[in-house]
Amino acid sequence: MIRKSTITLSVLGLIIGFSFTAAAAPKKILFFTKSSGFEHSVISWKDGRPAFAEKVLLQLGEKNGWEFTFSKDGSKFGKDYLAQFDAVFFYTTGDLCSPGTDKQPPMTPEGKQALFDYVRGGHGFIGTHAASDTFHTSNEDQKGPDRYVNHGEKADAYARFLGGEFIKHGAQQVARNTVTDPKFPGFEKIGNEFAFQEEWYSLKDFTPDIHVLSVIDAPAMKGVEYQRPPYPTTWARKEGRGRVWYTAMGHREDVWTNPNFQDILVGGIKWALGEVNADVPANLKETAPQAYTNPPYPAPASSKAN
């Protein structure tokens, strides 16, 4: 009996020890910031690393048990490389399959597909700000009127995956955002609305199944880019067995240190990682029924009346 009890207690000790070790293991997140298009200052590597946004993420990681890897190397994207992470976080621009502006190694088409497969297999994806200014449909970021058109199911696979695509932005300004799901992680303390100075993106081609979390009061804003009905600025959606979360916020340094933004971001990361749960039924029609109405294409200066 003594020997049996000793064995039982030993096994129990191993189980408890393993449980504590597993619980203490940090979740690993890849923060990918290749800029094939415009490189934003908050993710620029100057005077060594990390960039401003990376410093904020390191602080948030310490508080929440997350381990970040910072990279601009798209050539690493593949099944084996992505498998080491619990989530991938994009702050990117342009066609990531080309060296582009920052001349960092590009992704391959196979690497792009590996990202989709990785998330569909049960992992998380987070995108902030310029993540929607990435992999434009038919390279529309280089065109004029075409970038103001919705393509629906013919939009680039990445835009469909993310949930929307960047059109343009106007002058930075304070804009009011209405919270459409105050129970979603990160929004519990925000209240019914929030507002601060930001470079607000005008977006299009929303994937119909997105669960909208915030809607911007575009009609009250200044600039032709916002001459449109209210549209989503933050949302979540399921991609296969995985989770996709995006917010258009994140241009300015003082946004990254804003308590409301940090609450929203942390909640989004936790949800994408599966650390917290929330239902994300499609609600675009209810929260932003005219979201597919895009702003007018601004006439060239030469054609405007004097």
C-alpha atoms as a PDB file:
ATOM      1  CA  MET A   1       0.000   0.000   0.000  1.00  0.00           C
ATOM      2  CA  ILE A   2       2.808   2.412   0.860  1.00  0.00           C
ATOM      3  CA  ARG A   3       4.489   1.828  -2.472  1.00  0.00           C
ATOM      4  CA  LYS A   4       1.211   2.270  -4.354  1.00  0.00           C
ATOM      5  CA  SER A   5       0.462   5.540  -2.563  1.00  0.00           C
ATOM      6  CA  THR A   6       3.991   6.778  -3.278  1.00  0.00           C
ATOM      7  CA  ILE A   7       3.599   6.029  -6.989  1.00  0.00           C
ATOM      8  CA  THR A   8       0.175   7.685  -7.068  1.00  0.00           C
ATOM      9  CA  LEU A   9       1.491  10.818  -5.353  1.00  0.00           C
ATOM     10  CA  SER A  10       4.497  10.906  -7.660  1.00  0.00           C
ATOM     11  CA  VAL A  11       2.306  10.708 -10.742  1.00  0.00           C
ATOM     12  CA  LEU A  12       0.006  13.370  -9.295  1.00  0.00           C
ATOM     13  CA  GLY A  13       3.016  15.596  -8.666  1.00  0.00           C
ATOM     14  CA  LEU A  14       4.177  15.194 -12.249  1.00  0.00           C
ATOM     15  CA  ILE A  15       0.710  16.059 -13.551  1.00  0.00           C
ATOM     16  CA  ILE A  16       0.487  19.163 -11.361  1.00  0.00           C
ATOM     17  CA  GLY A  17       4.001  20.206 -12.318  1.00  0.00           C
ATOM     18  CA  PHE A  18       3.243  19.747 -16.013  1.00  0.00           C
ATOM     19  CA  SER A  19       0.029  21.755 -15.656  1.00  0.00           C
ATOM     20  CA  PHE A  20       1.848  24.695 -14.090  1.00  0.00           C
ATOM     21  CA  THR A  21       4.550  24.552 -16.787  1.00  0.00           C
ATOM     22  CA  ALA A  22       1.951  24.490 -19.566  1.00  0.00           C
ATOM     23  CA  ALA A  23       0.018  27.350 -18.015  1.00  0.00           C
ATOM     24  CA  ALA A  24       3.187  29.431 -17.710  1.00  0.00           C
ATOM     25  CA  ALA A  25       4.250  28.932 -21.329  1.00  0.00           C
ATOM     26  CA  PRO A  26       3.854  32.292 -23.134  1.00  0.00           C
ATOM     27  CA  LYS A  27       1.788  32.510 -26.279  1.00  0.00           C
ATOM     28  CA  LYS A  28       4.002  33.328 -29.264  1.00  0.00           C
ATOM     29  CA  ILE A  29       3.023  36.081 -31.706  1.00  0.00           C
ATOM     30  CA  LEU A  30       4.775  37.076 -34.946  1.00  0.00           C
ATOM     31  CA  PHE A  31       4.569  40.852 -35.484  1.00  0.00           C
ATOM     32  CA  PHE A  32       5.210  41.192 -39.221  1.00  0.00           C
ATOM     33  CA  THR A  33       5.896  44.696 -40.552  1.00  0.00           C
ATOM     34  CA  LYS A  34       7.203  44.423 -44.092  1.00  0.00           C
ATOM     35  CA  SER A  35       6.356  47.588 -46.043  1.00  0.00           C
ATOM     36  CA  SER A  36       6.286  46.987 -49.777  1.00  0.00           C
ATOM     37  CA  GLY A  37       4.357  50.268 -49.934  1.00  0.00           C
ATOM     38  CA  PHE A  38       4.560  53.230 -47.547  1.00  0.00           C
ATOM     39  CA  GLU A  39       6.401  52.489 -44.312  1.00  0.00           C
ATOM     40  CA  HIS A  40       4.733  53.994 -41.239  1.00  0.00           C
ATOM     41  CA  SER A  41       6.990  55.603 -38.669  1.00  0.00           C
ATOM     42  CA  VAL A  42       5.626  53.573 -35.739  1.00  0.00           C
ATOM     43  CA  ILE A  43       6.961  50.338 -37.255  1.00  0.00           C
ATOM     44  CA  SER A  44      10.152  51.741 -38.823  1.00  0.00           C
ATOM     45  CA  TRP A  45      13.446  50.330 -37.579  1.00  0.00           C
ATOM     46  CA  LYS A  46      15.596  53.395 -36.889  1.00  0.00           C
ATOM     47  CA  ASP A  47      18.710  53.577 -34.711  1.00  0.00           C
ATOM     48  CA  GLY A  48      18.412  49.868 -34.094  1.00  0.00           C
ATOM     49  CA  ARG A  49      15.328  48.105 -32.849  1.00  0.00           C
ATOM     50  CA  PRO A  50      12.599  47.894 -31.665  1.00  0.00           C
ATOM     51  CA  ALA A  51      10.251  50.358 -33.376  1.00  0.00           C
ATOM     52  CA  PHE A  52       7.763  52.431 -31.356  1.00  0.00           C
ATOM     53  CA  ALA A  53       4.865  49.994 -31.787  1.00  0.00           C
ATOM     54  CA  GLU A  54       7.171  47.096 -30.957  1.00  0.00           C
ATOM     55  CA  LYS A  55       8.165  48.745 -27.659  1.00  0.00           C
ATOM     56  CA  VAL A  56       4.477  49.054 -26.749  1.00  0.00           C
ATOM     57  CA  LEU A  57       3.862  45.424 -27.673  1.00  0.00           C
ATOM     58  CA  LEU A  58       6.787  44.288 -25.523  1.00  0.00           C
ATOM     59  CA  GLN A  59       5.162  46.040 -22.551  1.00  0.00           C
ATOM     60  CA  LEU A  60       1.767  44.525 -23.316  1.00  0.00           C
ATOM     61  CA  GLY A  61       3.426  41.150 -23.778  1.00  0.00           C
ATOM     62  CA  GLU A  62       4.974  41.300 -20.323  1.00  0.00           C
ATOM     63  CA  LYS A  63       1.598  42.079 -18.776  1.00  0.00           C
ATOM     64  CA  ASN A  64      -0.292  39.379 -20.653  1.00  0.00           C
ATOM     65  CA  GLY A  65       2.184  36.528 -21.025  1.00  0.00           C
ATOM     66  CA  TRP A  66       2.864  36.966 -24.745  1.00  0.00           C
ATOM     67  CA  GLU A  67       6.194  36.535 -26.492  1.00  0.00           C
ATOM     68  CA  PHE A  68       6.652  38.631 -29.626  1.00  0.00           C
ATOM     69  CA  THR A  69       8.908  37.982 -32.596  1.00  0.00           C
ATOM     70  CA  PHE A  70       9.505  41.033 -34.797  1.00  0.00           C
ATOM     71  CA  SER A  71      10.202  40.481 -38.482  1.00  0.00           C
ATOM     72  CA  LYS A  72      10.091  42.117 -41.911  1.00  0.00           C
ATOM     73  CA  ASP A  73      11.308  39.006 -43.744  1.00  0.00           C
ATOM     74  CA  GLY A  74       8.507  37.645 -45.918  1.00  0.00           C
ATOM     75  CA  SER A  75      10.638  34.846 -47.352  1.00  0.00           C
ATOM     76  CA  LYS A  76      10.230  32.885 -44.119  1.00  0.00           C
ATOM     77  CA  PHE A  77       6.490  32.439 -44.570  1.00  0.00           C
ATOM     78  CA  GLY A  78       5.681  28.774 -44.894  1.00  0.00           C
ATOM     79  CA  LYS A  79       3.952  25.982 -42.998  1.00  0.00           C
ATOM     80  CA  ASP A  80       6.879  25.085 -40.735  1.00  0.00           C
ATOM     81  CA  TYR A  81       7.826  28.680 -39.915  1.00  0.00           C
ATOM     82  CA  LEU A  82       4.288  29.751 -39.040  1.00  0.00           C
ATOM     83  CA  ALA A  83       3.666  26.626 -36.959  1.00  0.00           C
ATOM     84  CA  GLN A  84       5.856  27.965 -34.143  1.00  0.00           C
ATOM     85  CA  PHE A  85       3.452  30.878 -33.523  1.00  0.00           C
ATOM     86  CA  ASP A  86       0.030  31.017 -31.900  1.00  0.00           C
ATOM     87  CA  ALA A  87      -0.935  34.109 -33.911  1.00  0.00           C
ATOM     88  CA  VAL A  88       0.381  36.365 -36.660  1.00  0.00           C
ATOM     89  CA  PHE A  89       0.034  40.151 -36.392  1.00  0.00           C
ATOM     90  CA  PHE A  90       0.265  42.323 -39.541  1.00  0.00           C
ATOM     91  CA  TYR A  91       1.168  46.019 -39.800  1.00  0.00           C
ATOM     92  CA  THR A  92       2.126  45.949 -43.467  1.00  0.00           C
ATOM     93  CA  THR A  93       1.635  47.736 -46.791  1.00  0.00           C
ATOM     94  CA  GLY A  94       1.589  46.925 -50.487  1.00  0.00           C
ATOM     95  CA  ASP A  95       2.181  43.739 -52.415  1.00  0.00           C
ATOM     96  CA  LEU A  96       4.148  41.694 -49.930  1.00  0.00           C
ATOM     97  CA  CYS A  97       5.246  39.383 -52.728  1.00  0.00           C
ATOM     98  CA  SER A  98       7.505  42.163 -54.053  1.00  0.00           C
ATOM     99  CA  PRO A  99      10.556  43.741 -52.329  1.00  0.00           C
ATOM    100  CA  GLY A 100       8.945  47.165 -52.644  1.00  0.00           C
ATOM    101  CA  THR A 101       9.804  50.164 -50.516  1.00  0.00           C
ATOM    102  CA  ASP A 102      11.743  48.606 -47.646  1.00  0.00           C
ATOM    103  CA  LYS A 103      13.564  46.087 -49.887  1.00  0.00           C
ATOM    104  CA  GLN A 104      13.082  43.404 -47.249  1.00  0.00           C
ATOM    105  CA  PRO A 105      12.739  39.824 -48.564  1.00  0.00           C
ATOM    106  CA  PRO A 106       9.262  39.330 -50.078  1.00  0.00           C
ATOM    107  CA  MET A 107       6.758  36.582 -49.484  1.00  0.00           C
ATOM    108  CA  THR A 108       6.065  34.073 -52.225  1.00  0.00           C
ATOM    109  CA  PRO A 109       2.544  33.275 -53.463  1.00  0.00           C
ATOM    110  CA  GLU A 110       2.975  29.967 -51.647  1.00  0.00           C
ATOM    111  CA  GLY A 111       3.859  31.863 -48.461  1.00  0.00           C
ATOM    112  CA  LYS A 112       0.718  33.952 -48.811  1.00  0.00           C
ATOM    113  CA  GLN A 113      -1.353  30.792 -49.134  1.00  0.00           C
ATOM    114  CA  ALA A 114       0.489  29.288 -46.158  1.00  0.00           C
ATOM    115  CA  LEU A 115      -0.788  32.207 -44.062  1.00  0.00           C
ATOM    116  CA  PHE A 116      -4.388  31.466 -45.035  1.00  0.00           C
ATOM    117  CA  ASP A 117      -3.944  27.749 -44.333  1.00  0.00           C
ATOM    118  CA  TYR A 118      -2.293  28.510 -40.992  1.00  0.00           C
ATOM    119  CA  VAL A 119      -5.232  30.594 -39.779  1.00  0.00           C
ATOM    120  CA  ARG A 120      -7.876  28.257 -41.190  1.00  0.00           C
ATOM    121  CA  GLY A 121      -6.197  25.451 -39.308  1.00  0.00           C
ATOM    122  CA  GLY A 122      -7.040  27.070 -35.981  1.00  0.00           C
ATOM    123  CA  HIS A 123      -4.617  29.937 -35.368  1.00  0.00           C
ATOM    124  CA  GLY A 124      -5.108  33.669 -34.881  1.00  0.00           C
ATOM    125  CA  PHE A 125      -4.545  36.719 -37.054  1.00  0.00           C
ATOM    126  CA  ILE A 126      -4.426  40.334 -35.886  1.00  0.00           C
ATOM    127  CA  GLY A 127      -4.225  43.369 -38.147  1.00  0.00           C
ATOM    128  CA  THR A 128      -3.833  47.036 -37.308  1.00  0.00           C
ATOM    129  CA  HIS A 129      -4.121  50.131 -39.500  1.00  0.00           C
ATOM    130  CA  ALA A 130      -2.124  49.478 -42.683  1.00  0.00           C
ATOM    131  CA  ALA A 131      -2.855  45.750 -42.663  1.00  0.00           C
ATOM    132  CA  SER A 132      -5.814  46.755 -44.867  1.00  0.00           C
ATOM    133  CA  ASP A 133      -3.442  48.670 -47.193  1.00  0.00           C
ATOM    134  CA  THR A 134      -1.897  45.346 -48.166  1.00  0.00           C
ATOM    135  CA  PHE A 135      -2.339  43.028 -51.186  1.00  0.00           C
ATOM    136  CA  HIS A 136      -4.706  45.393 -52.993  1.00  0.00           C
ATOM    137  CA  THR A 137      -7.103  43.875 -55.493  1.00  0.00           C
ATOM    138  CA  SER A 138      -5.405  43.957 -58.929  1.00  0.00           C
ATOM    139  CA  ASN A 139      -2.835  46.423 -57.522  1.00  0.00           C
ATOM    140  CA  GLU A 140      -5.527  49.086 -57.258  1.00  0.00           C
ATOM    141  CA  ASP A 141      -3.384  51.158 -54.936  1.00  0.00           C
ATOM    142  CA  GLN A 142      -1.548  52.210 -58.104  1.00  0.00           C
ATOM    143  CA  LYS A 143      -4.739  53.230 -59.909  1.00  0.00           C
ATOM    144  CA  GLY A 144      -7.373  55.967 -59.805  1.00  0.00           C
ATOM    145  CA  PRO A 145     -11.148  55.356 -59.943  1.00  0.00           C
ATOM    146  CA  ASP A 146     -10.745  51.558 -59.718  1.00  0.00           C
ATOM    147  CA  ARG A 147      -9.693  51.748 -56.076  1.00  0.00           C
ATOM    148  CA  TYR A 148     -13.120  53.206 -55.198  1.00  0.00           C
ATOM    149  CA  VAL A 149     -14.982  50.170 -56.570  1.00  0.00           C
ATOM    150  CA  ASN A 150     -16.230  47.139 -54.610  1.00  0.00           C
ATOM    151  CA  HIS A 151     -15.337  43.740 -56.061  1.00  0.00           C
ATOM    152  CA  GLY A 152     -17.136  41.378 -53.707  1.00  0.00           C
ATOM    153  CA  GLU A 153     -16.042  37.790 -54.212  1.00  0.00           C
ATOM    154  CA  LYS A 154     -13.574  38.933 -56.895  1.00  0.00           C
ATOM    155  CA  ALA A 155     -11.597  41.009 -54.402  1.00  0.00           C
ATOM    156  CA  ASP A 156      -8.090  39.826 -53.567  1.00  0.00           C
ATOM    157  CA  ALA A 157      -8.087  36.720 -51.373  1.00  0.00           C
ATOM    158  CA  TYR A 158      -6.258  38.651 -48.657  1.00  0.00           C
ATOM    159  CA  ALA A 159      -8.922  41.401 -48.587  1.00  0.00           C
ATOM    160  CA  ARG A 160     -11.613  38.741 -48.227  1.00  0.00           C
ATOM    161  CA  PHE A 161      -9.572  37.071 -45.498  1.00  0.00           C
ATOM    162  CA  LEU A 162      -8.960  40.318 -43.591  1.00  0.00           C
ATOM    163  CA  GLY A 163     -12.531  41.563 -43.972  1.00  0.00           C
ATOM    164  CA  GLY A 164     -12.013  44.826 -45.886  1.00  0.00           C
ATOM    165  CA  GLU A 165      -9.648  46.940 -47.980  1.00  0.00           C
ATOM    166  CA  PHE A 166      -8.182  50.438 -47.663  1.00  0.00           C
ATOM    167  CA  ILE A 167      -9.249  53.122 -50.147  1.00  0.00           C
ATOM    168  CA  LYS A 168      -7.765  56.440 -48.999  1.00  0.00           C
ATOM    169  CA  HIS A 169      -7.423  58.592 -45.924  1.00  0.00           C
ATOM    170  CA  GLY A 170      -7.957  62.298 -45.421  1.00  0.00           C
ATOM    171  CA  ALA A 171      -6.420  64.743 -42.965  1.00  0.00           C
ATOM    172  CA  GLN A 172      -5.890  63.480 -39.434  1.00  0.00           C
ATOM    173  CA  GLN A 173      -8.773  64.494 -37.198  1.00  0.00           C
ATOM    174  CA  VAL A 174     -10.818  63.562 -34.159  1.00  0.00           C
ATOM    175  CA  ALA A 175     -13.668  61.253 -35.198  1.00  0.00           C
ATOM    176  CA  ARG A 176     -16.435  59.590 -33.219  1.00  0.00           C
ATOM    177  CA  ASN A 177     -16.686  55.799 -33.260  1.00  0.00           C
ATOM    178  CA  THR A 178     -19.762  53.980 -31.983  1.00  0.00           C
ATOM    179  CA  VAL A 179     -19.199  50.684 -30.175  1.00  0.00           C
ATOM    180  CA  THR A 180     -21.497  48.037 -31.646  1.00  0.00           C
ATOM    181  CA  ASP A 181     -20.614  45.133 -29.326  1.00  0.00           C
ATOM    182  CA  PRO A 182     -19.716  46.418 -25.839  1.00  0.00           C
ATOM    183  CA  LYS A 183     -19.416  42.842 -24.542  1.00  0.00           C
ATOM    184  CA  PHE A 184     -16.597  41.910 -26.927  1.00  0.00           C
ATOM    185  CA  PRO A 185     -13.219  41.537 -25.174  1.00  0.00           C
ATOM    186  CA  GLY A 186     -11.513  44.917 -24.872  1.00  0.00           C
ATOM    187  CA  PHE A 187     -14.647  47.008 -25.282  1.00  0.00           C
ATOM    188  CA  GLU A 188     -16.155  46.371 -21.850  1.00  0.00           C
ATOM    189  CA  LYS A 189     -14.772  49.614 -20.350  1.00  0.00           C
ATOM    190  CA  ILE A 190     -14.902  51.795 -23.479  1.00  0.00           C
ATOM    191  CA  GLY A 191     -18.519  52.882 -23.223  1.00  0.00           C
ATOM    192  CA  ASN A 192     -20.935  53.522 -26.081  1.00  0.00           C
ATOM    193  CA  GLU A 193     -18.418  55.521 -28.121  1.00  0.00           C
ATOM    194  CA  PHE A 194     -14.840  56.772 -28.255  1.00  0.00           C
ATOM    195  CA  ALA A 195     -12.977  59.478 -30.179  1.00  0.00           C
ATOM    196  CA  PHE A 196      -9.410  60.696 -30.588  1.00  0.00           C
ATOM    197  CA  GLN A 197      -7.037  62.201 -33.147  1.00  0.00           C
ATOM    198  CA  GLU A 198      -6.053  59.627 -35.744  1.00  0.00           C
ATOM    199  CA  GLU A 199      -5.384  59.035 -39.432  1.00  0.00           C
ATOM    200  CA  TRP A 200      -8.722  57.377 -40.142  1.00  0.00           C
ATOM    201  CA  TYR A 201      -8.852  54.985 -43.078  1.00  0.00           C
ATOM    202  CA  SER A 202     -11.766  54.969 -45.495  1.00  0.00           C
ATOM    203  CA  LEU A 203     -12.438  51.296 -46.236  1.00  0.00           C
ATOM    204  CA  LYS A 204     -14.376  49.196 -48.744  1.00  0.00           C
ATOM    205  CA  ASP A 205     -15.239  45.660 -49.858  1.00  0.00           C
ATOM    206  CA  PHE A 206     -16.235  44.417 -46.432  1.00  0.00           C
ATOM    207  CA  THR A 207     -16.518  40.642 -46.218  1.00  0.00           C
ATOM    208  CA  PRO A 208     -20.219  40.000 -45.473  1.00  0.00           C
ATOM    209  CA  ASP A 209     -19.534  37.740 -42.489  1.00  0.00           C
ATOM    210  CA  ILE A 210     -17.599  40.266 -40.384  1.00  0.00           C
ATOM    211  CA  HIS A 211     -18.747  40.937 -36.836  1.00  0.00           C
ATOM    212  CA  VAL A 212     -18.534  44.724 -36.566  1.00  0.00           C
ATOM    213  CA  LEU A 213     -17.173  46.088 -33.281  1.00  0.00           C
ATOM    214  CA  SER A 214     -16.993  49.824 -34.029  1.00  0.00           C
ATOM    215  CA  VAL A 215     -18.486  52.135 -36.668  1.00  0.00           C
ATOM    216  CA  ILE A 216     -17.132  55.581 -37.543  1.00  0.00           C
ATOM    217  CA  ASP A 217     -19.352  58.643 -37.999  1.00  0.00           C
ATOM    218  CA  ALA A 218     -18.060  59.416 -41.493  1.00  0.00           C
ATOM    219  CA  PRO A 219     -20.717  62.033 -42.405  1.00  0.00           C
ATOM    220  CA  ALA A 220     -19.462  64.269 -39.577  1.00  0.00           C
ATOM    221  CA  MET A 221     -15.852  64.137 -40.767  1.00  0.00           C
ATOM    222  CA  LYS A 222     -13.935  66.559 -42.974  1.00  0.00           C
ATOM    223  CA  GLY A 223     -12.640  65.450 -46.362  1.00  0.00           C
ATOM    224  CA  VAL A 224     -13.985  63.907 -49.545  1.00  0.00           C
ATOM    225  CA  GLU A 225     -12.651  60.530 -48.368  1.00  0.00           C
ATOM    226  CA  TYR A 226     -15.402  60.482 -45.743  1.00  0.00           C
ATOM    227  CA  GLN A 227     -18.329  61.622 -47.869  1.00  0.00           C
ATOM    228  CA  ARG A 228     -20.154  58.380 -47.272  1.00  0.00           C
ATOM    229  CA  PRO A 229     -22.419  56.682 -44.697  1.00  0.00           C
ATOM    230  CA  PRO A 230     -20.935  55.244 -41.467  1.00  0.00           C
ATOM    231  CA  TYR A 231     -18.689  52.205 -41.977  1.00  0.00           C
ATOM    232  CA  PRO A 232     -16.812  49.688 -39.785  1.00  0.00           C
ATOM    233  CA  THR A 233     -13.384  50.490 -38.316  1.00  0.00           C
ATOM    234  CA  THR A 234     -12.915  47.428 -36.086  1.00  0.00           C
ATOM    235  CA  TRP A 235     -14.232  43.901 -36.575  1.00  0.00           C
ATOM    236  CA  ALA A 236     -13.723  40.184 -36.004  1.00  0.00           C
ATOM    237  CA  ARG A 237     -14.496  37.147 -38.104  1.00  0.00           C
ATOM    238  CA  LYS A 238     -13.889  33.408 -38.213  1.00  0.00           C
ATOM    239  CA  GLU A 239     -11.679  31.944 -40.933  1.00  0.00           C
ATOM    240  CA  GLY A 240     -12.165  28.197 -40.903  1.00  0.00           C
ATOM    241  CA  ARG A 241     -11.196  27.126 -37.388  1.00  0.00           C
ATOM    242  CA  GLY A 242      -9.136  30.306 -36.922  1.00  0.00           C
ATOM    243  CA  ARG A 243      -9.879  33.856 -35.819  1.00  0.00           C
ATOM    244  CA  VAL A 244      -9.239  37.144 -37.630  1.00  0.00           C
ATOM    245  CA  TRP A 245      -9.370  40.534 -35.860  1.00  0.00           C
ATOM    246  CA  TYR A 246      -8.696  43.951 -37.407  1.00  0.00           C
ATOM    247  CA  THR A 247      -8.795  47.608 -36.444  1.00  0.00           C
ATOM    248  CA  ALA A 248      -8.108  50.590 -38.709  1.00  0.00           C
ATOM    249  CA  MET A 249      -6.482  52.415 -35.792  1.00  0.00           C
ATOM    250  CA  GLY A 250      -2.754  52.541 -35.098  1.00  0.00           C
ATOM    251  CA  HIS A 251      -1.139  55.288 -37.179  1.00  0.00           C
ATOM    252  CA  ARG A 252      -0.005  57.678 -34.454  1.00  0.00           C
ATOM    253  CA  GLU A 253       2.360  57.080 -31.538  1.00  0.00           C
ATOM    254  CA  ASP A 254      -0.119  58.637 -29.108  1.00  0.00           C
ATOM    255  CA  VAL A 255      -2.760  56.190 -30.324  1.00  0.00           C
ATOM    256  CA  TRP A 256      -0.492  53.264 -29.413  1.00  0.00           C
ATOM    257  CA  THR A 257      -0.197  54.673 -25.883  1.00  0.00           C
ATOM    258  CA  ASN A 258      -3.892  55.585 -25.626  1.00  0.00           C
ATOM    259  CA  PRO A 259      -5.551  53.478 -22.862  1.00  0.00           C
ATOM    260  CA  ASN A 260      -8.716  52.931 -24.928  1.00  0.00           C
ATOM    261  CA  PHE A 261      -6.729  51.730 -27.945  1.00  0.00           C
ATOM    262  CA  GLN A 262      -4.644  49.442 -25.757  1.00  0.00           C
ATOM    263  CA  ASP A 263      -7.765  47.958 -24.141  1.00  0.00           C
ATOM    264  CA  ILE A 264      -9.297  47.338 -27.575  1.00  0.00           C
ATOM    265  CA  LEU A 265      -6.053  45.892 -28.953  1.00  0.00           C
ATOM    266  CA  VAL A 266      -5.404  43.610 -25.984  1.00  0.00           C
ATOM    267  CA  GLY A 267      -8.967  42.322 -26.173  1.00  0.00           C
ATOM    268  CA  GLY A 268      -8.565  41.622 -29.878  1.00  0.00           C
ATOM    269  CA  ILE A 269      -5.283  39.789 -29.366  1.00  0.00           C
ATOM    270  CA  LYS A 270      -6.720  37.694 -26.544  1.00  0.00           C
ATOM    271  CA  TRP A 271      -9.690  36.738 -28.704  1.00  0.00           C
ATOM    272  CA  ALA A 272      -7.489  35.907 -31.716  1.00  0.00           C
ATOM    273  CA  LEU A 273      -5.316  33.715 -29.486  1.00  0.00           C
ATOM    274  CA  GLY A 274      -8.363  31.928 -28.108  1.00  0.00           C
ATOM    275  CA  GLU A 275      -7.589  33.084 -24.565  1.00  0.00           C
ATOM    276  CA  VAL A 276     -11.099  34.522 -24.348  1.00  0.00           C
ATOM    277  CA  ASN A 277     -14.242  33.638 -26.241  1.00  0.00           C
ATOM    278  CA  ALA A 278     -16.943  35.728 -27.877  1.00  0.00           C
ATOM    279  CA  ASP A 279     -19.599  35.019 -30.453  1.00  0.00           C
ATOM    280  CA  VAL A 280     -18.963  36.802 -33.746  1.00  0.00           C
ATOM    281  CA  PRO A 281     -22.118  36.476 -35.875  1.00  0.00           C
ATOM    282  CA  ALA A 282     -22.310  38.558 -39.040  1.00  0.00           C
ATOM    283  CA  ASN A 283     -23.828  41.947 -38.184  1.00  0.00           C
ATOM    284  CA  LEU A 284     -22.737  44.298 -40.977  1.00  0.00           C
ATOM    285  CA  LYS A 285     -26.294  44.824 -42.240  1.00  0.00           C
ATOM    286  CA  GLU A 286     -27.490  45.803 -38.776  1.00  0.00           C
ATOM    287  CA  THR A 287     -24.553  47.972 -37.670  1.00  0.00           C
ATOM    288  CA  ALA A 288     -23.530  49.708 -40.919  1.00  0.00           C
ATOM    289  CA  PRO A 289     -26.254  49.024 -43.507  1.00  0.00           C
ATOM    290  CA  GLN A 290     -24.794  51.409 -46.101  1.00  0.00           C
ATOM    291  CA  ALA A 291     -21.152  50.433 -45.635  1.00  0.00           C
ATOM    292  CA  TYR A 292     -20.795  49.399 -49.291  1.00  0.00           C
ATOM    293  CA  THR A 293     -21.408  52.988 -50.388  1.00  0.00           C
ATOM    294  CA  ASN A 294     -17.900  54.280 -51.064  1.00  0.00           C
ATOM    295  CA  PRO A 295     -16.783  57.913 -51.204  1.00  0.00           C
ATOM    296  CA  PRO A 296     -16.809  59.625 -54.615  1.00  0.00           C
ATOM    297  CA  TYR A 297     -13.671  59.534 -56.711  1.00  0.00           C
ATOM    298  CA  PRO A 298     -12.197  63.032 -56.463  1.00  0.00           C
ATOM    299  CA  ALA A 299     -12.043  64.760 -59.845  1.00  0.00           C
ATOM    300  CA  PRO A 300      -8.507  65.629 -61.039  1.00  0.00           C
ATOM    301  CA  ALA A 301      -7.501  69.161 -60.151  1.00  0.00           C
ATOM    302  CA  SER A 302      -7.297  70.142 -63.842  1.00  0.00           C
ATOM    303  CA  SER A 303     -10.980  69.340 -64.370  1.00  0.00           C
ATOM    304  CA  LYS A 304     -12.217  71.378 -61.411  1.00  0.00           C
ATOM    305  CA  ALA A 305     -13.825  74.726 -62.021  1.00  0.00           C
ATOM    306  CA  ASN A 306     -11.691  77.791 -61.200  1.00  0.00           C
END
